[in-house]
Amino acid sequence: MKTLCVVLTGALLLALPVAAAAAWYSPPPGSLAGEQSVQFTVSNWLTLSAFQGQMFSYQRFLSDTRAIRVAAGLTLDLDDEELEVEYEGGAVSGSADVSTWDHSGTLKVQLMFYRGDGPIRFFWGAGPKVTFTDIHSEYVNYSPLGEGLAFTYSTRDIDVWGFGLQGFAGLEWFINDMFSLHAEYGVSGMYKLRDDVEQLVYSHDPDSNRSISKTIRSPEFDSDGVRFGLSARF
């Protein structure tokens, strides 16, 4: 525990040189209860992004020594592409359409515990973590066949759900009554369920059409690394 505190303290001080010029501040007893904050990741010294989740990270102090944090994220991506395909050394040409869309999300609810009464306080916590990823892709390839046109159509759907727990420990530096800086290290244990379905359709040979489906279940234990953050309280 002492080693972790030393490492996090050093990381926090090295990553935040401007804080050395700030006056020391310590929240008065009882002042944190009911305080709320939004949290951001500090990277590349000046870049801010969401902390713990891609879109949203919210924390509320229940008392000076306890807090609850909720983090949620959602991503969405869509790509469409048209390709020209050459056959027989370029003498004959065809085309292909490729489309892919995917979205993913994360939800975390964490209970946090604080220790200490100075400007820099140690905290730790844990809570459930749920993730999902949904990927859909389609590929259509048109090619000449005799005097006509043949096509091959394929689709693939991948759904991945993850359920588990995330634990973490860190240090928070209360700069003033509105802002604080923090560094934390986390680990996650997850159980993931992956469904993968692929379908192939051949216009020139329906007997070759096929569907492939598989399910993979896997436990995972990963380090979430060290995060540097900024909390803005209100």
Protein backbone atom coordinates (compact mmCIF):
# COMPACT_ATOMS: atom_id res chain seq x y z
CA MET A 1 0.00 0.00 0.00
CA LYS A 2 2.81 2.45 0.88
CA THR A 3 4.58 1.68 -2.40
CA LEU A 4 1.39 2.39 -4.38
CA CYS A 5 0.95 5.72 -2.58
CA VAL A 6 4.54 6.73 -3.34
CA VAL A 7 4.19 5.81 -7.02
CA LEU A 8 0.90 7.67 -7.45
CA THR A 9 2.17 10.71 -5.56
CA GLY A 10 5.25 10.90 -7.76
CA ALA A 11 3.20 10.46 -10.92
CA LEU A 12 0.75 13.16 -9.87
CA LEU A 13 3.49 15.64 -9.05
CA LEU A 14 5.41 14.96 -12.27
CA ALA A 15 2.31 15.24 -14.45
CA LEU A 16 1.09 18.51 -12.90
CA PRO A 17 3.98 20.98 -12.56
CA VAL A 18 1.67 24.00 -12.49
CA ALA A 19 0.13 22.81 -9.24
CA ALA A 20 3.37 23.57 -7.41
CA ALA A 21 2.54 27.24 -7.61
CA ALA A 22 -0.95 26.83 -6.16
CA ALA A 23 -1.66 27.61 -2.52
CA TRP A 24 -2.26 24.65 -0.22
CA TYR A 25 -5.92 24.03 0.40
CA SER A 26 -7.70 21.45 2.53
CA PRO A 27 -11.49 20.97 2.43
CA PRO A 28 -13.00 21.86 5.84
CA PRO A 29 -14.57 18.95 7.73
CA GLY A 30 -18.06 18.19 6.41
CA SER A 31 -17.69 20.41 3.35
CA LEU A 32 -17.48 17.60 0.78
CA ALA A 33 -20.80 15.93 1.64
CA GLY A 34 -23.24 16.60 -1.21
CA GLU A 35 -20.55 17.98 -3.53
CA GLN A 36 -20.85 16.89 -7.18
CA SER A 37 -18.28 16.91 -9.93
CA VAL A 38 -17.68 16.09 -13.57
CA GLN A 39 -14.35 14.47 -14.32
CA PHE A 40 -11.96 14.71 -17.23
CA THR A 41 -8.82 12.87 -18.20
CA VAL A 42 -5.66 14.99 -18.43
CA SER A 43 -3.35 13.86 -21.25
CA ASN A 44 -0.52 15.54 -23.13
CA TRP A 45 -0.46 18.16 -20.37
CA LEU A 46 -3.29 20.30 -21.79
CA THR A 47 -5.73 17.88 -23.43
CA LEU A 48 -8.98 17.06 -21.60
CA SER A 49 -11.24 14.10 -22.36
CA ALA A 50 -13.86 12.13 -20.44
CA PHE A 51 -12.61 10.26 -17.37
CA GLN A 52 -13.50 6.55 -16.91
CA GLY A 53 -16.00 6.73 -19.79
CA GLN A 54 -15.92 8.01 -23.35
CA MET A 55 -18.72 10.54 -22.85
CA PHE A 56 -19.62 11.09 -19.23
CA SER A 57 -18.09 10.73 -15.74
CA TYR A 58 -19.96 12.03 -12.70
CA GLN A 59 -19.08 11.84 -9.00
CA ARG A 60 -21.05 12.73 -5.87
CA PHE A 61 -19.66 12.81 -2.32
CA LEU A 62 -21.93 11.10 0.18
CA SER A 63 -19.69 12.27 3.03
CA ASP A 64 -16.09 13.38 3.49
CA THR A 65 -14.99 9.75 3.26
CA ARG A 66 -17.39 8.20 0.74
CA ALA A 67 -18.45 8.98 -2.81
CA ILE A 68 -20.23 7.34 -5.71
CA ARG A 69 -19.12 7.64 -9.33
CA VAL A 70 -21.00 6.83 -12.53
CA ALA A 71 -19.24 6.67 -15.88
CA ALA A 72 -20.84 5.97 -19.25
CA GLY A 73 -19.60 5.96 -22.81
CA LEU A 74 -20.99 5.36 -26.29
CA THR A 75 -19.28 5.27 -29.70
CA LEU A 76 -20.76 4.92 -33.19
CA ASP A 77 -18.98 4.51 -36.52
CA LEU A 78 -20.33 4.01 -40.05
CA ASP A 79 -18.31 3.41 -43.24
CA ASP A 80 -19.41 2.85 -46.85
CA GLU A 81 -16.98 2.10 -49.66
CA GLU A 82 -17.26 1.32 -53.36
CA LEU A 83 -14.44 -0.61 -55.02
CA GLU A 84 -13.50 -1.35 -58.62
CA VAL A 85 -12.26 -4.91 -59.13
CA GLU A 86 -10.28 -6.15 -62.13
CA TYR A 87 -10.34 -9.73 -63.47
CA GLU A 88 -8.27 -11.59 -66.06
CA GLY A 89 -5.35 -9.20 -65.89
CA GLY A 90 -7.53 -6.11 -66.20
CA ALA A 91 -9.41 -7.24 -69.28
CA VAL A 92 -12.66 -7.52 -67.34
CA SER A 93 -13.76 -5.33 -64.48
CA GLY A 94 -16.32 -5.65 -61.73
CA SER A 95 -17.26 -3.80 -58.58
CA ALA A 96 -17.76 -4.32 -54.88
CA ASP A 97 -19.71 -2.50 -52.18
CA VAL A 98 -18.48 -2.64 -48.61
CA SER A 99 -20.34 -1.22 -45.64
CA THR A 100 -19.52 -1.51 -41.95
CA TRP A 101 -21.08 -0.02 -38.86
CA ASP A 102 -20.27 -0.60 -35.26
CA HIS A 103 -21.21 0.83 -31.90
CA SER A 104 -19.97 0.15 -28.41
CA GLY A 105 -20.79 1.27 -24.90
CA THR A 106 -19.54 1.15 -21.32
CA LEU A 107 -21.30 1.65 -18.00
CA LYS A 108 -19.57 1.74 -14.59
CA VAL A 109 -20.99 2.41 -11.12
CA GLN A 110 -18.34 2.72 -8.42
CA LEU A 111 -18.31 3.24 -4.66
CA MET A 112 -15.27 5.19 -3.44
CA PHE A 113 -13.68 5.52 -0.01
CA TYR A 114 -11.34 8.34 1.05
CA ARG A 115 -8.71 8.42 3.77
CA GLY A 116 -6.96 11.49 5.18
CA ASP A 117 -7.90 15.08 5.96
CA GLY A 118 -5.27 17.13 4.13
CA PRO A 119 -5.09 18.57 0.61
CA ILE A 120 -3.90 15.20 -0.79
CA ARG A 121 -6.08 12.21 0.10
CA PHE A 122 -5.84 8.51 -0.67
CA PHE A 123 -8.90 6.79 -2.14
CA TRP A 124 -9.89 3.35 -3.32
CA GLY A 125 -13.05 1.76 -4.61
CA ALA A 126 -14.75 -0.82 -6.80
CA GLY A 127 -17.95 -1.41 -8.70
CA PRO A 128 -19.66 -3.27 -11.54
CA LYS A 129 -18.67 -2.72 -15.15
CA VAL A 130 -20.73 -3.59 -18.24
CA THR A 131 -19.51 -3.27 -21.82
CA PHE A 132 -20.94 -4.13 -25.22
CA THR A 133 -19.78 -4.00 -28.82
CA ASP A 134 -21.95 -4.58 -31.91
CA ILE A 135 -20.29 -4.84 -35.34
CA HIS A 136 -22.13 -5.41 -38.63
CA SER A 137 -20.45 -5.65 -42.03
CA GLU A 138 -21.74 -6.33 -45.55
CA TYR A 139 -19.79 -7.13 -48.68
CA VAL A 140 -21.24 -7.44 -52.20
CA ASN A 141 -18.97 -8.40 -55.07
CA TYR A 142 -20.26 -8.16 -58.64
CA SER A 143 -18.37 -10.04 -61.38
CA PRO A 144 -19.06 -11.04 -65.01
CA LEU A 145 -20.23 -14.61 -65.61
CA GLY A 146 -20.64 -15.56 -69.25
CA GLU A 147 -22.91 -12.94 -70.75
CA GLY A 148 -24.44 -12.09 -67.41
CA LEU A 149 -23.43 -10.83 -64.01
CA ALA A 150 -22.93 -12.81 -60.81
CA PHE A 151 -22.61 -11.60 -57.28
CA THR A 152 -21.33 -12.84 -53.95
CA TYR A 153 -23.00 -11.41 -50.86
CA SER A 154 -21.66 -11.84 -47.36
CA THR A 155 -22.61 -10.44 -43.99
CA ARG A 156 -21.02 -10.73 -40.57
CA ASP A 157 -22.48 -9.79 -37.19
CA ILE A 158 -20.37 -9.75 -34.04
CA ASP A 159 -21.91 -9.05 -30.63
CA VAL A 160 -19.71 -8.91 -27.54
CA TRP A 161 -21.02 -8.39 -24.00
CA GLY A 162 -18.81 -8.06 -20.98
CA PHE A 163 -19.78 -8.22 -17.29
CA GLY A 164 -17.41 -7.79 -14.38
CA LEU A 165 -15.88 -5.65 -11.67
CA GLN A 166 -13.36 -2.83 -11.72
CA GLY A 167 -11.21 -1.97 -8.72
CA PHE A 168 -8.92 1.05 -8.34
CA ALA A 169 -6.81 3.08 -5.92
CA GLY A 170 -5.35 6.54 -6.21
CA LEU A 171 -4.64 9.99 -4.80
CA GLU A 172 -6.67 13.19 -5.14
CA TRP A 173 -5.19 16.67 -4.66
CA PHE A 174 -7.79 19.27 -3.68
CA ILE A 175 -6.42 22.47 -5.21
CA ASN A 176 -9.30 24.71 -4.06
CA ASP A 177 -13.03 24.49 -3.36
CA MET A 178 -13.82 23.93 -7.06
CA PHE A 179 -11.06 21.84 -8.61
CA SER A 180 -8.99 18.80 -7.75
CA LEU A 181 -6.42 16.68 -9.55
CA HIS A 182 -6.19 12.93 -9.24
CA ALA A 183 -4.20 9.93 -10.38
CA GLU A 184 -5.47 6.38 -10.07
CA TYR A 185 -4.57 2.85 -11.06
CA GLY A 186 -7.26 0.31 -11.88
CA VAL A 187 -7.76 -3.36 -12.74
CA SER A 188 -10.78 -5.13 -14.22
CA GLY A 189 -12.03 -8.69 -14.11
CA MET A 190 -14.53 -9.40 -16.88
CA TYR A 191 -16.52 -12.31 -18.28
CA LYS A 192 -17.13 -11.82 -22.00
CA LEU A 193 -19.68 -13.47 -24.26
CA ARG A 194 -19.07 -13.19 -28.02
CA ASP A 195 -21.53 -14.26 -30.75
CA ASP A 196 -20.19 -14.34 -34.31
CA VAL A 197 -22.51 -15.06 -37.25
CA GLU A 198 -21.36 -15.06 -40.90
CA GLN A 199 -23.54 -15.68 -43.97
CA LEU A 200 -22.42 -16.22 -47.57
CA VAL A 201 -24.72 -16.16 -50.62
CA TYR A 202 -23.59 -17.06 -54.17
CA SER A 203 -25.97 -16.11 -56.98
CA HIS A 204 -24.33 -18.53 -59.45
CA ASP A 205 -24.22 -21.51 -57.05
CA PRO A 206 -26.99 -21.53 -54.40
CA ASP A 207 -25.80 -24.93 -53.16
CA SER A 208 -22.67 -23.23 -51.85
CA ASN A 209 -24.61 -20.80 -49.66
CA ARG A 210 -23.72 -21.23 -46.02
CA SER A 211 -24.09 -19.77 -42.57
CA ILE A 212 -21.43 -20.01 -39.87
CA SER A 213 -22.22 -19.29 -36.23
CA LYS A 214 -20.04 -19.55 -33.15
CA THR A 215 -20.14 -18.44 -29.53
CA ILE A 216 -17.08 -17.76 -27.39
CA ARG A 217 -17.10 -17.34 -23.61
CA SER A 218 -13.96 -16.09 -21.94
CA PRO A 219 -12.92 -14.69 -18.54
CA GLU A 220 -10.44 -11.81 -18.70
CA PHE A 221 -8.36 -9.96 -16.13
CA ASP A 222 -6.71 -6.75 -17.32
CA SER A 223 -4.89 -3.72 -15.99
CA ASP A 224 -6.57 -0.42 -16.81
CA GLY A 225 -3.30 1.46 -16.31
CA VAL A 226 -2.84 4.82 -14.60
CA ARG A 227 -5.26 7.67 -15.33
CA PHE A 228 -4.63 11.35 -14.59
CA GLY A 229 -7.76 13.42 -14.10
CA LEU A 230 -9.28 16.78 -13.28
CA SER A 231 -12.50 17.13 -11.27
CA ALA A 232 -14.66 20.24 -11.47
CA ARG A 233 -17.00 20.37 -8.46
CA PHE A 234 -20.30 22.19 -8.19
